[in-house]
C-alpha atoms as a PDB file:
ATOM      1  CA  MET A   1     -11.375  19.407 -12.718  1.00  0.00           C
ATOM      2  CA  ASP A   2     -10.688  21.658  -9.733  1.00  0.00           C
ATOM      3  CA  LEU A   3      -7.885  20.757  -7.377  1.00  0.00           C
ATOM      4  CA  THR A   4      -9.580  19.980  -4.072  1.00  0.00           C
ATOM      5  CA  HIS A   5      -6.451  20.251  -1.917  1.00  0.00           C
ATOM      6  CA  ILE A   6      -5.770  23.904  -2.785  1.00  0.00           C
ATOM      7  CA  ASN A   7      -7.411  26.704  -0.786  1.00  0.00           C
ATOM      8  CA  GLU A   8      -8.465  30.159  -1.998  1.00  0.00           C
ATOM      9  CA  GLN A   9      -4.912  31.456  -1.459  1.00  0.00           C
ATOM     10  CA  GLY A  10      -3.426  28.694  -3.590  1.00  0.00           C
ATOM     11  CA  ARG A  11      -2.017  26.789  -0.606  1.00  0.00           C
ATOM     12  CA  ALA A  12      -2.532  23.187   0.354  1.00  0.00           C
ATOM     13  CA  TRP A  13      -5.199  22.349   2.926  1.00  0.00           C
ATOM     14  CA  MET A  14      -6.891  19.278   4.309  1.00  0.00           C
ATOM     15  CA  VAL A  15     -10.187  18.935   2.446  1.00  0.00           C
ATOM     16  CA  ASP A  16     -13.370  19.374   4.493  1.00  0.00           C
ATOM     17  CA  VAL A  17     -15.223  16.053   4.319  1.00  0.00           C
ATOM     18  CA  SER A  18     -17.799  16.867   6.996  1.00  0.00           C
ATOM     19  CA  ARG A  19     -20.711  16.995   4.525  1.00  0.00           C
ATOM     20  CA  LYS A  20     -19.863  13.705   2.824  1.00  0.00           C
ATOM     21  CA  ASP A  21     -21.881  10.598   3.613  1.00  0.00           C
ATOM     22  CA  ASP A  22     -20.415   7.750   5.605  1.00  0.00           C
ATOM     23  CA  THR A  23     -20.106   4.742   3.297  1.00  0.00           C
ATOM     24  CA  GLU A  24     -18.158   1.506   3.298  1.00  0.00           C
ATOM     25  CA  ARG A  25     -14.895   2.174   1.512  1.00  0.00           C
ATOM     26  CA  VAL A  26     -12.386  -0.363   0.231  1.00  0.00           C
ATOM     27  CA  ALA A  27      -9.162   0.023  -1.734  1.00  0.00           C
ATOM     28  CA  TRP A  28      -6.813  -2.518  -3.264  1.00  0.00           C
ATOM     29  CA  ALA A  29      -3.190  -1.705  -4.138  1.00  0.00           C
ATOM     30  CA  GLN A  30      -0.115  -3.521  -5.370  1.00  0.00           C
ATOM     31  CA  ALA A  31       3.670  -3.239  -5.398  1.00  0.00           C
ATOM     32  CA  VAL A  32       6.350  -5.554  -6.768  1.00  0.00           C
ATOM     33  CA  VAL A  33       9.826  -6.282  -5.430  1.00  0.00           C
ATOM     34  CA  ARG A  34      12.095  -7.709  -8.149  1.00  0.00           C
ATOM     35  CA  MET A  35      15.165  -9.658  -7.048  1.00  0.00           C
ATOM     36  CA  GLN A  36      17.603 -12.380  -7.975  1.00  0.00           C
ATOM     37  CA  ALA A  37      16.114 -15.884  -8.158  1.00  0.00           C
ATOM     38  CA  GLU A  38      18.390 -17.014  -5.308  1.00  0.00           C
ATOM     39  CA  THR A  39      17.113 -14.200  -3.083  1.00  0.00           C
ATOM     40  CA  LEU A  40      13.521 -15.217  -3.778  1.00  0.00           C
ATOM     41  CA  GLN A  41      14.293 -18.829  -2.865  1.00  0.00           C
ATOM     42  CA  ARG A  42      15.971 -17.764   0.387  1.00  0.00           C
ATOM     43  CA  ILE A  43      12.947 -15.665   1.361  1.00  0.00           C
ATOM     44  CA  LYS A  44      10.577 -18.549   0.527  1.00  0.00           C
ATOM     45  CA  SER A  45      12.625 -21.075   2.523  1.00  0.00           C
ATOM     46  CA  GLY A  46      13.165 -18.836   5.548  1.00  0.00           C
ATOM     47  CA  GLY A  47      16.898 -18.615   4.879  1.00  0.00           C
ATOM     48  CA  VAL A  48      17.314 -14.906   5.559  1.00  0.00           C
ATOM     49  CA  LYS A  49      19.385 -14.175   8.672  1.00  0.00           C
ATOM     50  CA  LYS A  50      17.165 -11.306   9.820  1.00  0.00           C
ATOM     51  CA  GLY A  51      14.179 -13.645  10.179  1.00  0.00           C
ATOM     52  CA  ASP A  52      10.746 -14.199   8.653  1.00  0.00           C
ATOM     53  CA  VAL A  53      10.827 -11.620   5.861  1.00  0.00           C
ATOM     54  CA  LEU A  54       7.181 -11.930   4.822  1.00  0.00           C
ATOM     55  CA  GLY A  55       5.874 -12.087   8.387  1.00  0.00           C
ATOM     56  CA  VAL A  56       7.673  -8.862   9.262  1.00  0.00           C
ATOM     57  CA  ALA A  57       6.686  -7.249   5.939  1.00  0.00           C
ATOM     58  CA  GLN A  58       3.038  -8.107   6.551  1.00  0.00           C
ATOM     59  CA  THR A  59       3.109  -6.479   9.986  1.00  0.00           C
ATOM     60  CA  ALA A  60       4.979  -3.469   8.576  1.00  0.00           C
ATOM     61  CA  GLY A  61       2.377  -3.056   5.815  1.00  0.00           C
ATOM     62  CA  VAL A  62      -0.462  -3.030   8.344  1.00  0.00           C
ATOM     63  CA  MET A  63       1.420  -0.526  10.492  1.00  0.00           C
ATOM     64  CA  GLY A  64       2.139   1.602   7.410  1.00  0.00           C
ATOM     65  CA  ALA A  65      -1.553   1.779   6.523  1.00  0.00           C
ATOM     66  CA  LYS A  66      -2.358   2.877  10.075  1.00  0.00           C
ATOM     67  CA  GLN A  67       0.369   5.561   9.993  1.00  0.00           C
ATOM     68  CA  THR A  68      -0.583   7.082   6.621  1.00  0.00           C
ATOM     69  CA  PRO A  69      -1.939  10.411   7.958  1.00  0.00           C
ATOM     70  CA  TYR A  70       1.331  10.928   9.852  1.00  0.00           C
ATOM     71  CA  LEU A  71       3.378  10.364   6.683  1.00  0.00           C
ATOM     72  CA  ILE A  72       1.218  12.138   4.073  1.00  0.00           C
ATOM     73  CA  PRO A  73       0.360  15.636   5.328  1.00  0.00           C
ATOM     74  CA  MET A  74      -3.140  16.115   3.880  1.00  0.00           C
ATOM     75  CA  CYS A  75      -4.504  12.623   4.586  1.00  0.00           C
ATOM     76  CA  HIS A  76      -7.299  12.394   7.119  1.00  0.00           C
ATOM     77  CA  PRO A  77      -6.815  10.152  10.140  1.00  0.00           C
ATOM     78  CA  LEU A  78      -9.183   7.226   9.579  1.00  0.00           C
ATOM     79  CA  MET A  79     -10.539   4.437  11.706  1.00  0.00           C
ATOM     80  CA  LEU A  80      -9.486   1.497   9.561  1.00  0.00           C
ATOM     81  CA  THR A  81     -11.686  -1.547   9.957  1.00  0.00           C
ATOM     82  CA  SER A  82      -9.440  -3.993   8.100  1.00  0.00           C
ATOM     83  CA  VAL A  83      -5.982  -4.184   6.527  1.00  0.00           C
ATOM     84  CA  ASP A  84      -4.898  -7.338   4.714  1.00  0.00           C
ATOM     85  CA  ILE A  85      -1.545  -7.912   3.004  1.00  0.00           C
ATOM     86  CA  ASN A  86      -0.874 -10.880   0.702  1.00  0.00           C
ATOM     87  CA  PHE A  87       2.215 -12.015  -1.174  1.00  0.00           C
ATOM     88  CA  GLU A  88       2.588 -13.884  -4.459  1.00  0.00           C
ATOM     89  CA  PHE A  89       5.870 -15.362  -5.691  1.00  0.00           C
ATOM     90  CA  ASP A  90       6.801 -14.708  -9.311  1.00  0.00           C
ATOM     91  CA  GLU A  91       9.284 -17.394 -10.342  1.00  0.00           C
ATOM     92  CA  ASP A  92       9.410 -16.408 -14.035  1.00  0.00           C
ATOM     93  CA  ASN A  93      10.473 -12.814 -13.386  1.00  0.00           C
ATOM     94  CA  PRO A  94      11.861 -13.336  -9.888  1.00  0.00           C
ATOM     95  CA  GLY A  95      10.098 -11.239  -7.323  1.00  0.00           C
ATOM     96  CA  ILE A  96       7.308 -10.847  -4.829  1.00  0.00           C
ATOM     97  CA  ILE A  97       3.994  -9.241  -5.740  1.00  0.00           C
ATOM     98  CA  ILE A  98       2.457  -7.530  -2.723  1.00  0.00           C
ATOM     99  CA  ASN A  99      -1.293  -6.886  -2.571  1.00  0.00           C
ATOM    100  CA  SER A 100      -3.219  -4.939   0.035  1.00  0.00           C
ATOM    101  CA  LYS A 101      -6.893  -4.546   0.811  1.00  0.00           C
ATOM    102  CA  VAL A 102      -7.862  -1.773   3.213  1.00  0.00           C
ATOM    103  CA  LYS A 103     -11.374  -1.051   4.511  1.00  0.00           C
ATOM    104  CA  THR A 104     -13.162   1.582   6.535  1.00  0.00           C
ATOM    105  CA  SER A 105     -16.607   3.036   6.936  1.00  0.00           C
ATOM    106  CA  GLY A 106     -16.454   6.790   6.748  1.00  0.00           C
ATOM    107  CA  LYS A 107     -16.430  10.016   4.784  1.00  0.00           C
ATOM    108  CA  THR A 108     -13.231   9.561   2.797  1.00  0.00           C
ATOM    109  CA  GLY A 109     -11.506   6.728   0.979  1.00  0.00           C
ATOM    110  CA  VAL A 110      -8.596   4.488   1.887  1.00  0.00           C
ATOM    111  CA  GLU A 111      -6.621   4.616  -1.358  1.00  0.00           C
ATOM    112  CA  MET A 112      -3.601   6.248   0.274  1.00  0.00           C
ATOM    113  CA  GLU A 113      -3.652   3.707   3.100  1.00  0.00           C
ATOM    114  CA  ALA A 114      -3.699   0.799   0.637  1.00  0.00           C
ATOM    115  CA  VAL A 115      -0.821   2.242  -1.397  1.00  0.00           C
ATOM    116  CA  THR A 116       1.166   3.042   1.754  1.00  0.00           C
ATOM    117  CA  ALA A 117       0.639  -0.519   3.018  1.00  0.00           C
ATOM    118  CA  VAL A 118       2.218  -2.143  -0.051  1.00  0.00           C
ATOM    119  CA  THR A 119       5.001   0.417  -0.171  1.00  0.00           C
ATOM    120  CA  VAL A 120       6.020  -0.127   3.454  1.00  0.00           C
ATOM    121  CA  ALA A 121       5.796  -3.903   3.012  1.00  0.00           C
ATOM    122  CA  ALA A 122       8.057  -3.646  -0.076  1.00  0.00           C
ATOM    123  CA  LEU A 123      10.567  -1.472   1.772  1.00  0.00           C
ATOM    124  CA  THR A 124      10.619  -4.015   4.597  1.00  0.00           C
ATOM    125  CA  ILE A 125      11.345  -6.873   2.194  1.00  0.00           C
ATOM    126  CA  TYR A 126      14.185  -4.795   0.782  1.00  0.00           C
ATOM    127  CA  ASP A 127      15.548  -3.930   4.229  1.00  0.00           C
ATOM    128  CA  MET A 128      15.492  -7.487   5.487  1.00  0.00           C
ATOM    129  CA  SER A 129      17.026  -8.953   2.310  1.00  0.00           C
ATOM    130  CA  LYS A 130      19.449  -6.280   1.116  1.00  0.00           C
ATOM    131  CA  ALA A 131      22.481  -8.171   2.468  1.00  0.00           C
ATOM    132  CA  LEU A 132      21.648 -10.894  -0.078  1.00  0.00           C
ATOM    133  CA  ASP A 133      20.691  -8.635  -2.972  1.00  0.00           C
ATOM    134  CA  ARG A 134      21.346  -4.920  -2.714  1.00  0.00           C
ATOM    135  CA  TRP A 135      20.037  -4.275  -6.248  1.00  0.00           C
ATOM    136  CA  MET A 136      16.450  -5.374  -5.659  1.00  0.00           C
ATOM    137  CA  GLU A 137      13.905  -3.069  -7.278  1.00  0.00           C
ATOM    138  CA  ILE A 138      10.602  -1.850  -5.924  1.00  0.00           C
ATOM    139  CA  THR A 139       8.299  -1.282  -8.894  1.00  0.00           C
ATOM    140  CA  ASP A 140       4.691  -0.947 -10.023  1.00  0.00           C
ATOM    141  CA  ILE A 141       3.324   0.706  -6.884  1.00  0.00           C
ATOM    142  CA  ARG A 142      -0.260   1.400  -7.830  1.00  0.00           C
ATOM    143  CA  LEU A 143      -3.890   1.529  -6.847  1.00  0.00           C
ATOM    144  CA  LEU A 144      -5.766  -1.372  -8.449  1.00  0.00           C
ATOM    145  CA  GLU A 145      -9.340  -0.749  -7.403  1.00  0.00           C
ATOM    146  CA  LYS A 146     -11.502   1.290  -5.060  1.00  0.00           C
ATOM    147  CA  MET A 147     -15.064   1.084  -3.871  1.00  0.00           C
ATOM    148  CA  GLY A 148     -17.336   3.481  -2.027  1.00  0.00           C
ATOM    149  CA  GLY A 149     -18.044   7.169  -1.932  1.00  0.00           C
ATOM    150  CA  LYS A 150     -19.236   9.376  -4.753  1.00  0.00           C
ATOM    151  CA  SER A 151     -17.208   7.652  -7.491  1.00  0.00           C
ATOM    152  CA  GLY A 152     -18.544   4.199  -6.574  1.00  0.00           C
ATOM    153  CA  HIS A 153     -16.610   1.125  -7.666  1.00  0.00           C
ATOM    154  CA  VAL A 154     -13.742   1.723 -10.091  1.00  0.00           C
ATOM    155  CA  LYS A 155     -10.981  -0.576 -11.319  1.00  0.00           C
ATOM    156  CA  ARG A 156      -7.693   0.174 -13.017  1.00  0.00           C
ATOM    157  CA  SER A 157      -7.889  -0.674 -16.704  1.00  0.00           C
ATOM    158  CA  GLU A 158      -5.114  -2.996 -17.822  1.00  0.00           C
ATOM    159  CA  SER A 159      -3.626  -1.324 -20.859  1.00  0.00           C
END
């Protein structure tokens, strides 16, 4: 497989997508923030002094998706049509599972935007809660699924 982000001189470049078809594109990503059980309960109950941790993290995740081309040098600026961030509480292995779904209609996919969204949301949870639990861990940042474009609909295999 040829590397598409390398030019004839062996240097990075932004790929030319001008000949690609506009299609609906969707990507789903996930990250996990592991923490002490007490920290999770404080976030759930609104007992964090800095405020509504998940409300701020949701806004930060949306903003992160929108800022992706300014953070990742070779990403194309995209007109995102939707960014959704959801949180699940894991009581058994204390933590918050963050899921994103990002959509656009265009010539290139939104995988990077979806992954950036969950990463920024996770960092925000950490920032707002670190006074309670400085050893939280951000783990399992990954693309789960993508749809649209030449590769069609693909899902991560759970192995």
